[in-house]
Amino acid sequence: EGGRKGLYKNEVLDDSSIIPVERRSV
């Protein structure tokens, strides 16, 4: 089985921020 893709959600908490920023990657 090939050609499959996944969605990865990455939350980054910067030292200057208390609210995580969401980034999504394929």
mmCIF file of all heavy atoms, coordinates in Angstrom:
data_MODEL
# 
_entry.id   MODEL 
# 
loop_
_atom_site.group_PDB 
_atom_site.id 
_atom_site.type_symbol 
_atom_site.label_atom_id 
_atom_site.label_alt_id 
_atom_site.label_comp_id 
_atom_site.label_asym_id 
_atom_site.label_entity_id 
_atom_site.label_seq_id 
_atom_site.pdbx_PDB_ins_code 
_atom_site.Cartn_x 
_atom_site.Cartn_y 
_atom_site.Cartn_z 
_atom_site.occupancy 
_atom_site.B_iso_or_equiv 
_atom_site.pdbx_formal_charge 
_atom_site.auth_seq_id 
_atom_site.auth_comp_id 
_atom_site.auth_asym_id 
_atom_site.auth_atom_id 
_atom_site.pdbx_PDB_model_num 
ATOM 1   N N   . GLU A 1 1  ? 0.867  -1.186 0.000  1.00 0.00 ? 1  GLU A N   1 
ATOM 2   C CA  . GLU A 1 1  ? 0.000  0.000  0.000  1.00 0.00 ? 1  GLU A CA  1 
ATOM 3   C C   . GLU A 1 1  ? 0.892  1.221  0.000  1.00 0.00 ? 1  GLU A C   1 
ATOM 4   O O   . GLU A 1 1  ? 1.792  1.335  0.824  1.00 0.00 ? 1  GLU A O   1 
ATOM 5   C CB  . GLU A 1 1  ? -0.896 0.048  1.252  1.00 0.00 ? 1  GLU A CB  1 
ATOM 6   C CG  . GLU A 1 1  ? -2.010 -0.946 1.260  1.00 0.00 ? 1  GLU A CG  1 
ATOM 7   C CD  . GLU A 1 1  ? -2.977 -0.712 2.410  1.00 0.00 ? 1  GLU A CD  1 
ATOM 8   O OE1 . GLU A 1 1  ? -2.982 0.397  3.005  1.00 0.00 ? 1  GLU A OE1 1 
ATOM 9   O OE2 . GLU A 1 1  ? -3.723 -1.641 2.707  1.00 0.00 ? 1  GLU A OE2 1 
ATOM 10  N N   . GLY A 1 2  ? 0.631  2.138  -0.909 1.00 0.00 ? 2  GLY A N   1 
ATOM 11  C CA  . GLY A 1 2  ? 1.467  3.330  -0.988 1.00 0.00 ? 2  GLY A CA  1 
ATOM 12  C C   . GLY A 1 2  ? 0.697  4.584  -1.316 1.00 0.00 ? 2  GLY A C   1 
ATOM 13  O O   . GLY A 1 2  ? -0.503 4.558  -1.552 1.00 0.00 ? 2  GLY A O   1 
ATOM 14  N N   . GLY A 1 3  ? 1.424  5.684  -1.323 1.00 0.00 ? 3  GLY A N   1 
ATOM 15  C CA  . GLY A 1 3  ? 0.825  6.975  -1.655 1.00 0.00 ? 3  GLY A CA  1 
ATOM 16  C C   . GLY A 1 3  ? -0.012 7.555  -0.530 1.00 0.00 ? 3  GLY A C   1 
ATOM 17  O O   . GLY A 1 3  ? -0.865 8.400  -0.772 1.00 0.00 ? 3  GLY A O   1 
ATOM 18  N N   . ARG A 1 4  ? 0.251  7.147  0.705  1.00 0.00 ? 4  ARG A N   1 
ATOM 19  C CA  . ARG A 1 4  ? -0.552 7.632  1.833  1.00 0.00 ? 4  ARG A CA  1 
ATOM 20  C C   . ARG A 1 4  ? 0.086  8.884  2.439  1.00 0.00 ? 4  ARG A C   1 
ATOM 21  O O   . ARG A 1 4  ? 1.302  9.013  2.481  1.00 0.00 ? 4  ARG A O   1 
ATOM 22  C CB  . ARG A 1 4  ? -0.671 6.534  2.898  1.00 0.00 ? 4  ARG A CB  1 
ATOM 23  C CG  . ARG A 1 4  ? -1.323 5.301  2.351  1.00 0.00 ? 4  ARG A CG  1 
ATOM 24  C CD  . ARG A 1 4  ? -1.355 4.111  3.312  1.00 0.00 ? 4  ARG A CD  1 
ATOM 25  N NE  . ARG A 1 4  ? -0.116 3.909  4.013  1.00 0.00 ? 4  ARG A NE  1 
ATOM 26  C CZ  . ARG A 1 4  ? 0.003  3.921  5.350  1.00 0.00 ? 4  ARG A CZ  1 
ATOM 27  N NH1 . ARG A 1 4  ? -1.046 4.105  6.105  1.00 0.00 ? 4  ARG A NH1 1 
ATOM 28  N NH2 . ARG A 1 4  ? 1.165  3.735  5.913  1.00 0.00 ? 4  ARG A NH2 1 
ATOM 29  N N   . LYS A 1 5  ? -0.754 9.788  2.913  1.00 0.00 ? 5  LYS A N   1 
ATOM 30  C CA  . LYS A 1 5  ? -0.284 11.016 3.555  1.00 0.00 ? 5  LYS A CA  1 
ATOM 31  C C   . LYS A 1 5  ? -0.926 11.143 4.931  1.00 0.00 ? 5  LYS A C   1 
ATOM 32  O O   . LYS A 1 5  ? -2.038 10.703 5.150  1.00 0.00 ? 5  LYS A O   1 
ATOM 33  C CB  . LYS A 1 5  ? -0.625 12.235 2.708  1.00 0.00 ? 5  LYS A CB  1 
ATOM 34  C CG  . LYS A 1 5  ? 0.143  12.253 1.409  1.00 0.00 ? 5  LYS A CG  1 
ATOM 35  C CD  . LYS A 1 5  ? -0.083 13.513 0.645  1.00 0.00 ? 5  LYS A CD  1 
ATOM 36  C CE  . LYS A 1 5  ? 0.751  13.428 -0.621 1.00 0.00 ? 5  LYS A CE  1 
ATOM 37  N NZ  . LYS A 1 5  ? 0.695  14.635 -1.387 1.00 0.00 ? 5  LYS A NZ  1 
ATOM 38  N N   . GLY A 1 6  ? -0.188 11.756 5.838  1.00 0.00 ? 6  GLY A N   1 
ATOM 39  C CA  . GLY A 1 6  ? -0.693 11.982 7.188  1.00 0.00 ? 6  GLY A CA  1 
ATOM 40  C C   . GLY A 1 6  ? -0.629 13.455 7.542  1.00 0.00 ? 6  GLY A C   1 
ATOM 41  O O   . GLY A 1 6  ? 0.209  14.197 7.023  1.00 0.00 ? 6  GLY A O   1 
ATOM 42  N N   . LEU A 1 7  ? -1.507 13.859 8.434  1.00 0.00 ? 7  LEU A N   1 
ATOM 43  C CA  . LEU A 1 7  ? -1.533 15.246 8.901  1.00 0.00 ? 7  LEU A CA  1 
ATOM 44  C C   . LEU A 1 7  ? -1.010 15.274 10.327 1.00 0.00 ? 7  LEU A C   1 
ATOM 45  O O   . LEU A 1 7  ? -1.528 14.586 11.202 1.00 0.00 ? 7  LEU A O   1 
ATOM 46  C CB  . LEU A 1 7  ? -2.961 15.802 8.863  1.00 0.00 ? 7  LEU A CB  1 
ATOM 47  C CG  . LEU A 1 7  ? -3.142 17.243 9.323  1.00 0.00 ? 7  LEU A CG  1 
ATOM 48  C CD1 . LEU A 1 7  ? -2.371 18.203 8.421  1.00 0.00 ? 7  LEU A CD1 1 
ATOM 49  C CD2 . LEU A 1 7  ? -4.609 17.618 9.345  1.00 0.00 ? 7  LEU A CD2 1 
ATOM 50  N N   . TYR A 1 8  ? 0.051  16.032 10.539 1.00 0.00 ? 8  TYR A N   1 
ATOM 51  C CA  . TYR A 1 8  ? 0.680  16.129 11.848 1.00 0.00 ? 8  TYR A CA  1 
ATOM 52  C C   . TYR A 1 8  ? 0.465  17.531 12.388 1.00 0.00 ? 8  TYR A C   1 
ATOM 53  O O   . TYR A 1 8  ? 0.785  18.519 11.724 1.00 0.00 ? 8  TYR A O   1 
ATOM 54  C CB  . TYR A 1 8  ? 2.176  15.822 11.727 1.00 0.00 ? 8  TYR A CB  1 
ATOM 55  C CG  . TYR A 1 8  ? 2.920  15.895 13.033 1.00 0.00 ? 8  TYR A CG  1 
ATOM 56  C CD1 . TYR A 1 8  ? 2.785  14.894 13.982 1.00 0.00 ? 8  TYR A CD1 1 
ATOM 57  C CD2 . TYR A 1 8  ? 3.758  16.971 13.311 1.00 0.00 ? 8  TYR A CD2 1 
ATOM 58  C CE1 . TYR A 1 8  ? 3.463  14.958 15.180 1.00 0.00 ? 8  TYR A CE1 1 
ATOM 59  C CE2 . TYR A 1 8  ? 4.442  17.039 14.507 1.00 0.00 ? 8  TYR A CE2 1 
ATOM 60  C CZ  . TYR A 1 8  ? 4.289  16.036 15.431 1.00 0.00 ? 8  TYR A CZ  1 
ATOM 61  O OH  . TYR A 1 8  ? 4.964  16.097 16.619 1.00 0.00 ? 8  TYR A OH  1 
ATOM 62  N N   . LYS A 1 9  ? -0.076 17.606 13.580 1.00 0.00 ? 9  LYS A N   1 
ATOM 63  C CA  . LYS A 1 9  ? -0.298 18.900 14.227 1.00 0.00 ? 9  LYS A CA  1 
ATOM 64  C C   . LYS A 1 9  ? 0.794  19.111 15.260 1.00 0.00 ? 9  LYS A C   1 
ATOM 65  O O   . LYS A 1 9  ? 1.028  18.249 16.103 1.00 0.00 ? 9  LYS A O   1 
ATOM 66  C CB  . LYS A 1 9  ? -1.672 18.913 14.898 1.00 0.00 ? 9  LYS A CB  1 
ATOM 67  C CG  . LYS A 1 9  ? -2.014 20.206 15.585 1.00 0.00 ? 9  LYS A CG  1 
ATOM 68  C CD  . LYS A 1 9  ? -3.428 20.146 16.120 1.00 0.00 ? 9  LYS A CD  1 
ATOM 69  C CE  . LYS A 1 9  ? -3.417 20.415 17.594 1.00 0.00 ? 9  LYS A CE  1 
ATOM 70  N NZ  . LYS A 1 9  ? -4.729 20.392 18.207 1.00 0.00 ? 9  LYS A NZ  1 
ATOM 71  N N   . ASN A 1 10 ? 1.463  20.232 15.177 1.00 0.00 ? 10 ASN A N   1 
ATOM 72  C CA  . ASN A 1 10 ? 2.562  20.546 16.078 1.00 0.00 ? 10 ASN A CA  1 
ATOM 73  C C   . ASN A 1 10 ? 2.244  21.872 16.760 1.00 0.00 ? 10 ASN A C   1 
ATOM 74  O O   . ASN A 1 10 ? 2.001  22.870 16.094 1.00 0.00 ? 10 ASN A O   1 
ATOM 75  C CB  . ASN A 1 10 ? 3.863  20.642 15.262 1.00 0.00 ? 10 ASN A CB  1 
ATOM 76  C CG  . ASN A 1 10 ? 5.080  20.736 16.135 1.00 0.00 ? 10 ASN A CG  1 
ATOM 77  O OD1 . ASN A 1 10 ? 5.040  20.414 17.308 1.00 0.00 ? 10 ASN A OD1 1 
ATOM 78  N ND2 . ASN A 1 10 ? 6.163  21.192 15.549 1.00 0.00 ? 10 ASN A ND2 1 
ATOM 79  N N   . GLU A 1 11 ? 2.229  21.857 18.082 1.00 0.00 ? 11 GLU A N   1 
ATOM 80  C CA  . GLU A 1 11 ? 1.995  23.098 18.817 1.00 0.00 ? 11 GLU A CA  1 
ATOM 81  C C   . GLU A 1 11 ? 3.329  23.584 19.379 1.00 0.00 ? 11 GLU A C   1 
ATOM 82  O O   . GLU A 1 11 ? 4.039  22.824 20.027 1.00 0.00 ? 11 GLU A O   1 
ATOM 83  C CB  . GLU A 1 11 ? 0.983  22.880 19.934 1.00 0.00 ? 11 GLU A CB  1 
ATOM 84  C CG  . GLU A 1 11 ? -0.405 22.594 19.400 1.00 0.00 ? 11 GLU A CG  1 
ATOM 85  C CD  . GLU A 1 11 ? -1.430 22.432 20.502 1.00 0.00 ? 11 GLU A CD  1 
ATOM 86  O OE1 . GLU A 1 11 ? -1.067 22.425 21.682 1.00 0.00 ? 11 GLU A OE1 1 
ATOM 87  O OE2 . GLU A 1 11 ? -2.610 22.313 20.161 1.00 0.00 ? 11 GLU A OE2 1 
ATOM 88  N N   . VAL A 1 12 ? 3.642  24.820 19.104 1.00 0.00 ? 12 VAL A N   1 
ATOM 89  C CA  . VAL A 1 12 ? 4.905  25.395 19.543 1.00 0.00 ? 12 VAL A CA  1 
ATOM 90  C C   . VAL A 1 12 ? 4.611  26.428 20.612 1.00 0.00 ? 12 VAL A C   1 
ATOM 91  O O   . VAL A 1 12 ? 3.777  27.315 20.430 1.00 0.00 ? 12 VAL A O   1 
ATOM 92  C CB  . VAL A 1 12 ? 5.649  26.049 18.348 1.00 0.00 ? 12 VAL A CB  1 
ATOM 93  C CG1 . VAL A 1 12 ? 6.933  26.689 18.811 1.00 0.00 ? 12 VAL A CG1 1 
ATOM 94  C CG2 . VAL A 1 12 ? 5.904  25.033 17.260 1.00 0.00 ? 12 VAL A CG2 1 
ATOM 95  N N   . LEU A 1 13 ? 5.297  26.295 21.731 1.00 0.00 ? 13 LEU A N   1 
ATOM 96  C CA  . LEU A 1 13 ? 5.175  27.275 22.814 1.00 0.00 ? 13 LEU A CA  1 
ATOM 97  C C   . LEU A 1 13 ? 6.481  28.052 22.864 1.00 0.00 ? 13 LEU A C   1 
ATOM 98  O O   . LEU A 1 13 ? 7.523  27.533 23.260 1.00 0.00 ? 13 LEU A O   1 
ATOM 99  C CB  . LEU A 1 13 ? 4.909  26.570 24.148 1.00 0.00 ? 13 LEU A CB  1 
ATOM 100 C CG  . LEU A 1 13 ? 4.595  27.472 25.329 1.00 0.00 ? 13 LEU A CG  1 
ATOM 101 C CD1 . LEU A 1 13 ? 3.368  28.335 25.033 1.00 0.00 ? 13 LEU A CD1 1 
ATOM 102 C CD2 . LEU A 1 13 ? 4.361  26.651 26.578 1.00 0.00 ? 13 LEU A CD2 1 
ATOM 103 N N   . ASP A 1 14 ? 6.436  29.283 22.374 1.00 0.00 ? 14 ASP A N   1 
ATOM 104 C CA  . ASP A 1 14 ? 7.606  30.138 22.334 1.00 0.00 ? 14 ASP A CA  1 
ATOM 105 C C   . ASP A 1 14 ? 7.864  30.685 23.741 1.00 0.00 ? 14 ASP A C   1 
ATOM 106 O O   . ASP A 1 14 ? 6.938  30.848 24.531 1.00 0.00 ? 14 ASP A O   1 
ATOM 107 C CB  . ASP A 1 14 ? 7.335  31.290 21.358 1.00 0.00 ? 14 ASP A CB  1 
ATOM 108 C CG  . ASP A 1 14 ? 8.593  31.871 20.776 1.00 0.00 ? 14 ASP A CG  1 
ATOM 109 O OD1 . ASP A 1 14 ? 9.633  31.774 21.433 1.00 0.00 ? 14 ASP A OD1 1 
ATOM 110 O OD2 . ASP A 1 14 ? 8.519  32.409 19.656 1.00 0.00 ? 14 ASP A OD2 1 
ATOM 111 N N   . ASP A 1 15 ? 9.099  30.954 24.063 1.00 0.00 ? 15 ASP A N   1 
ATOM 112 C CA  . ASP A 1 15 ? 9.434  31.485 25.390 1.00 0.00 ? 15 ASP A CA  1 
ATOM 113 C C   . ASP A 1 15 ? 8.769  32.827 25.651 1.00 0.00 ? 15 ASP A C   1 
ATOM 114 O O   . ASP A 1 15 ? 8.513  33.188 26.796 1.00 0.00 ? 15 ASP A O   1 
ATOM 115 C CB  . ASP A 1 15 ? 10.952 31.610 25.538 1.00 0.00 ? 15 ASP A CB  1 
ATOM 116 C CG  . ASP A 1 15 ? 11.623 30.249 25.611 1.00 0.00 ? 15 ASP A CG  1 
ATOM 117 O OD1 . ASP A 1 15 ? 10.946 29.275 26.027 1.00 0.00 ? 15 ASP A OD1 1 
ATOM 118 O OD2 . ASP A 1 15 ? 12.809 30.148 25.246 1.00 0.00 ? 15 ASP A OD2 1 
ATOM 119 N N   . SER A 1 16 ? 8.474  33.571 24.593 1.00 0.00 ? 16 SER A N   1 
ATOM 120 C CA  . SER A 1 16 ? 7.866  34.895 24.762 1.00 0.00 ? 16 SER A CA  1 
ATOM 121 C C   . SER A 1 16 ? 6.344  34.829 24.801 1.00 0.00 ? 16 SER A C   1 
ATOM 122 O O   . SER A 1 16 ? 5.686  35.839 24.965 1.00 0.00 ? 16 SER A O   1 
ATOM 123 C CB  . SER A 1 16 ? 8.313  35.822 23.633 1.00 0.00 ? 16 SER A CB  1 
ATOM 124 O OG  . SER A 1 16 ? 7.844  35.317 22.397 1.00 0.00 ? 16 SER A OG  1 
ATOM 125 N N   . SER A 1 17 ? 5.763  33.635 24.648 1.00 0.00 ? 17 SER A N   1 
ATOM 126 C CA  . SER A 1 17 ? 4.313  33.515 24.579 1.00 0.00 ? 17 SER A CA  1 
ATOM 127 C C   . SER A 1 17 ? 3.830  32.454 25.555 1.00 0.00 ? 17 SER A C   1 
ATOM 128 O O   . SER A 1 17 ? 4.515  31.475 25.816 1.00 0.00 ? 17 SER A O   1 
ATOM 129 C CB  . SER A 1 17 ? 3.899  33.129 23.157 1.00 0.00 ? 17 SER A CB  1 
ATOM 130 O OG  . SER A 1 17 ? 2.531  32.838 23.121 1.00 0.00 ? 17 SER A OG  1 
ATOM 131 N N   . ILE A 1 18 ? 2.652  32.649 26.092 1.00 0.00 ? 18 ILE A N   1 
ATOM 132 C CA  . ILE A 1 18 ? 2.068  31.638 26.978 1.00 0.00 ? 18 ILE A CA  1 
ATOM 133 C C   . ILE A 1 18 ? 0.987  30.829 26.263 1.00 0.00 ? 18 ILE A C   1 
ATOM 134 O O   . ILE A 1 18 ? 0.494  29.855 26.793 1.00 0.00 ? 18 ILE A O   1 
ATOM 135 C CB  . ILE A 1 18 ? 1.497  32.280 28.268 1.00 0.00 ? 18 ILE A CB  1 
ATOM 136 C CG1 . ILE A 1 18 ? 0.452  33.344 27.913 1.00 0.00 ? 18 ILE A CG1 1 
ATOM 137 C CG2 . ILE A 1 18 ? 2.615  32.852 29.117 1.00 0.00 ? 18 ILE A CG2 1 
ATOM 138 C CD1 . ILE A 1 18 ? -0.288 33.862 29.120 1.00 0.00 ? 18 ILE A CD1 1 
ATOM 139 N N   . ILE A 1 19 ? 0.640  31.244 25.052 1.00 0.00 ? 19 ILE A N   1 
ATOM 140 C CA  . ILE A 1 19 ? -0.371 30.535 24.271 1.00 0.00 ? 19 ILE A CA  1 
ATOM 141 C C   . ILE A 1 19 ? 0.326  29.773 23.149 1.00 0.00 ? 19 ILE A C   1 
ATOM 142 O O   . ILE A 1 19 ? 1.066  30.360 22.365 1.00 0.00 ? 19 ILE A O   1 
ATOM 143 C CB  . ILE A 1 19 ? -1.408 31.522 23.683 1.00 0.00 ? 19 ILE A CB  1 
ATOM 144 C CG1 . ILE A 1 19 ? -2.116 32.261 24.813 1.00 0.00 ? 19 ILE A CG1 1 
ATOM 145 C CG2 . ILE A 1 19 ? -2.400 30.781 22.790 1.00 0.00 ? 19 ILE A CG2 1 
ATOM 146 C CD1 . ILE A 1 19 ? -3.011 33.372 24.354 1.00 0.00 ? 19 ILE A CD1 1 
ATOM 147 N N   . PRO A 1 20 ? 0.115  28.440 23.058 1.00 0.00 ? 20 PRO A N   1 
ATOM 148 C CA  . PRO A 1 20 ? 0.760  27.672 21.985 1.00 0.00 ? 20 PRO A CA  1 
ATOM 149 C C   . PRO A 1 20 ? 0.250  28.089 20.606 1.00 0.00 ? 20 PRO A C   1 
ATOM 150 O O   . PRO A 1 20 ? -0.920 28.414 20.438 1.00 0.00 ? 20 PRO A O   1 
ATOM 151 C CB  . PRO A 1 20 ? 0.373  26.231 22.273 1.00 0.00 ? 20 PRO A CB  1 
ATOM 152 C CG  . PRO A 1 20 ? -0.348 26.231 23.563 1.00 0.00 ? 20 PRO A CG  1 
ATOM 153 C CD  . PRO A 1 20 ? -0.693 27.632 23.927 1.00 0.00 ? 20 PRO A CD  1 
ATOM 154 N N   . VAL A 1 21 ? 1.150  28.069 19.637 1.00 0.00 ? 21 VAL A N   1 
ATOM 155 C CA  . VAL A 1 21 ? 0.809  28.358 18.252 1.00 0.00 ? 21 VAL A CA  1 
ATOM 156 C C   . VAL A 1 21 ? 0.737  27.022 17.516 1.00 0.00 ? 21 VAL A C   1 
ATOM 157 O O   . VAL A 1 21 ? 1.660  26.214 17.592 1.00 0.00 ? 21 VAL A O   1 
ATOM 158 C CB  . VAL A 1 21 ? 1.874  29.271 17.604 1.00 0.00 ? 21 VAL A CB  1 
ATOM 159 C CG1 . VAL A 1 21 ? 1.563  29.509 16.135 1.00 0.00 ? 21 VAL A CG1 1 
ATOM 160 C CG2 . VAL A 1 21 ? 1.986  30.575 18.366 1.00 0.00 ? 21 VAL A CG2 1 
ATOM 161 N N   . GLU A 1 22 ? -0.368 26.795 16.811 1.00 0.00 ? 22 GLU A N   1 
ATOM 162 C CA  . GLU A 1 22 ? -0.555 25.517 16.121 1.00 0.00 ? 22 GLU A CA  1 
ATOM 163 C C   . GLU A 1 22 ? 0.029  25.575 14.713 1.00 0.00 ? 22 GLU A C   1 
ATOM 164 O O   . GLU A 1 22 ? -0.227 26.504 13.974 1.00 0.00 ? 22 GLU A O   1 
ATOM 165 C CB  . GLU A 1 22 ? -2.044 25.185 16.040 1.00 0.00 ? 22 GLU A CB  1 
ATOM 166 C CG  . GLU A 1 22 ? -2.326 23.873 15.335 1.00 0.00 ? 22 GLU A CG  1 
ATOM 167 C CD  . GLU A 1 22 ? -3.812 23.575 15.268 1.00 0.00 ? 22 GLU A CD  1 
ATOM 168 O OE1 . GLU A 1 22 ? -4.433 23.437 16.316 1.00 0.00 ? 22 GLU A OE1 1 
ATOM 169 O OE2 . GLU A 1 22 ? -4.330 23.498 14.135 1.00 0.00 ? 22 GLU A OE2 1 
ATOM 170 N N   . ARG A 1 23 ? 0.816  24.559 14.395 1.00 0.00 ? 23 ARG A N   1 
ATOM 171 C CA  . ARG A 1 23 ? 1.340  24.399 13.043 1.00 0.00 ? 23 ARG A CA  1 
ATOM 172 C C   . ARG A 1 23 ? 0.979  23.003 12.575 1.00 0.00 ? 23 ARG A C   1 
ATOM 173 O O   . ARG A 1 23 ? 1.131  22.035 13.297 1.00 0.00 ? 23 ARG A O   1 
ATOM 174 C CB  . ARG A 1 23 ? 2.850  24.586 13.032 1.00 0.00 ? 23 ARG A CB  1 
ATOM 175 C CG  . ARG A 1 23 ? 3.266  25.984 13.369 1.00 0.00 ? 23 ARG A CG  1 
ATOM 176 C CD  . ARG A 1 23 ? 4.725  26.222 13.014 1.00 0.00 ? 23 ARG A CD  1 
ATOM 177 N NE  . ARG A 1 23 ? 5.086  27.559 13.396 1.00 0.00 ? 23 ARG A NE  1 
ATOM 178 C CZ  . ARG A 1 23 ? 5.970  27.859 14.332 1.00 0.00 ? 23 ARG A CZ  1 
ATOM 179 N NH1 . ARG A 1 23 ? 6.601  26.901 14.961 1.00 0.00 ? 23 ARG A NH1 1 
ATOM 180 N NH2 . ARG A 1 23 ? 6.234  29.109 14.619 1.00 0.00 ? 23 ARG A NH2 1 
ATOM 181 N N   . ARG A 1 24 ? 0.526  22.885 11.341 1.00 0.00 ? 24 ARG A N   1 
ATOM 182 C CA  . ARG A 1 24 ? 0.183  21.589 10.766 1.00 0.00 ? 24 ARG A CA  1 
ATOM 183 C C   . ARG A 1 24 ? 1.127  21.274 9.619  1.00 0.00 ? 24 ARG A C   1 
ATOM 184 O O   . ARG A 1 24 ? 1.451  22.148 8.832  1.00 0.00 ? 24 ARG A O   1 
ATOM 185 C CB  . ARG A 1 24 ? -1.264 21.569 10.268 1.00 0.00 ? 24 ARG A CB  1 
ATOM 186 C CG  . ARG A 1 24 ? -2.258 21.697 11.387 1.00 0.00 ? 24 ARG A CG  1 
ATOM 187 C CD  . ARG A 1 24 ? -3.668 21.647 10.893 1.00 0.00 ? 24 ARG A CD  1 
ATOM 188 N NE  . ARG A 1 24 ? -4.579 21.764 12.023 1.00 0.00 ? 24 ARG A NE  1 
ATOM 189 C CZ  . ARG A 1 24 ? -5.800 21.330 12.015 1.00 0.00 ? 24 ARG A CZ  1 
ATOM 190 N NH1 . ARG A 1 24 ? -6.299 20.743 10.949 1.00 0.00 ? 24 ARG A NH1 1 
ATOM 191 N NH2 . ARG A 1 24 ? -6.574 21.462 13.076 1.00 0.00 ? 24 ARG A NH2 1 
ATOM 192 N N   . SER A 1 25 ? 1.533  20.010 9.547  1.00 0.00 ? 25 SER A N   1 
ATOM 193 C CA  . SER A 1 25 ? 2.435  19.559 8.494  1.00 0.00 ? 25 SER A CA  1 
ATOM 194 C C   . SER A 1 25 ? 1.848  18.335 7.817  1.00 0.00 ? 25 SER A C   1 
ATOM 195 O O   . SER A 1 25 ? 1.255  17.475 8.472  1.00 0.00 ? 25 SER A O   1 
ATOM 196 C CB  . SER A 1 25 ? 3.793  19.167 9.080  1.00 0.00 ? 25 SER A CB  1 
ATOM 197 O OG  . SER A 1 25 ? 4.338  20.210 9.830  1.00 0.00 ? 25 SER A OG  1 
ATOM 198 N N   . VAL A 1 26 ? 2.025  18.250 6.513  1.00 0.00 ? 26 VAL A N   1 
ATOM 199 C CA  . VAL A 1 26 ? 1.628  17.072 5.757  1.00 0.00 ? 26 VAL A CA  1 
ATOM 200 C C   . VAL A 1 26 ? 2.862  16.189 5.604  1.00 0.00 ? 26 VAL A C   1 
ATOM 201 O O   . VAL A 1 26 ? 3.907  16.643 5.159  1.00 0.00 ? 26 VAL A O   1 
ATOM 202 C CB  . VAL A 1 26 ? 1.062  17.455 4.373  1.00 0.00 ? 26 VAL A CB  1 
ATOM 203 C CG1 . VAL A 1 26 ? 0.763  16.213 3.554  1.00 0.00 ? 26 VAL A CG1 1 
ATOM 204 C CG2 . VAL A 1 26 ? -0.182 18.314 4.533  1.00 0.00 ? 26 VAL A CG2 1 
# 
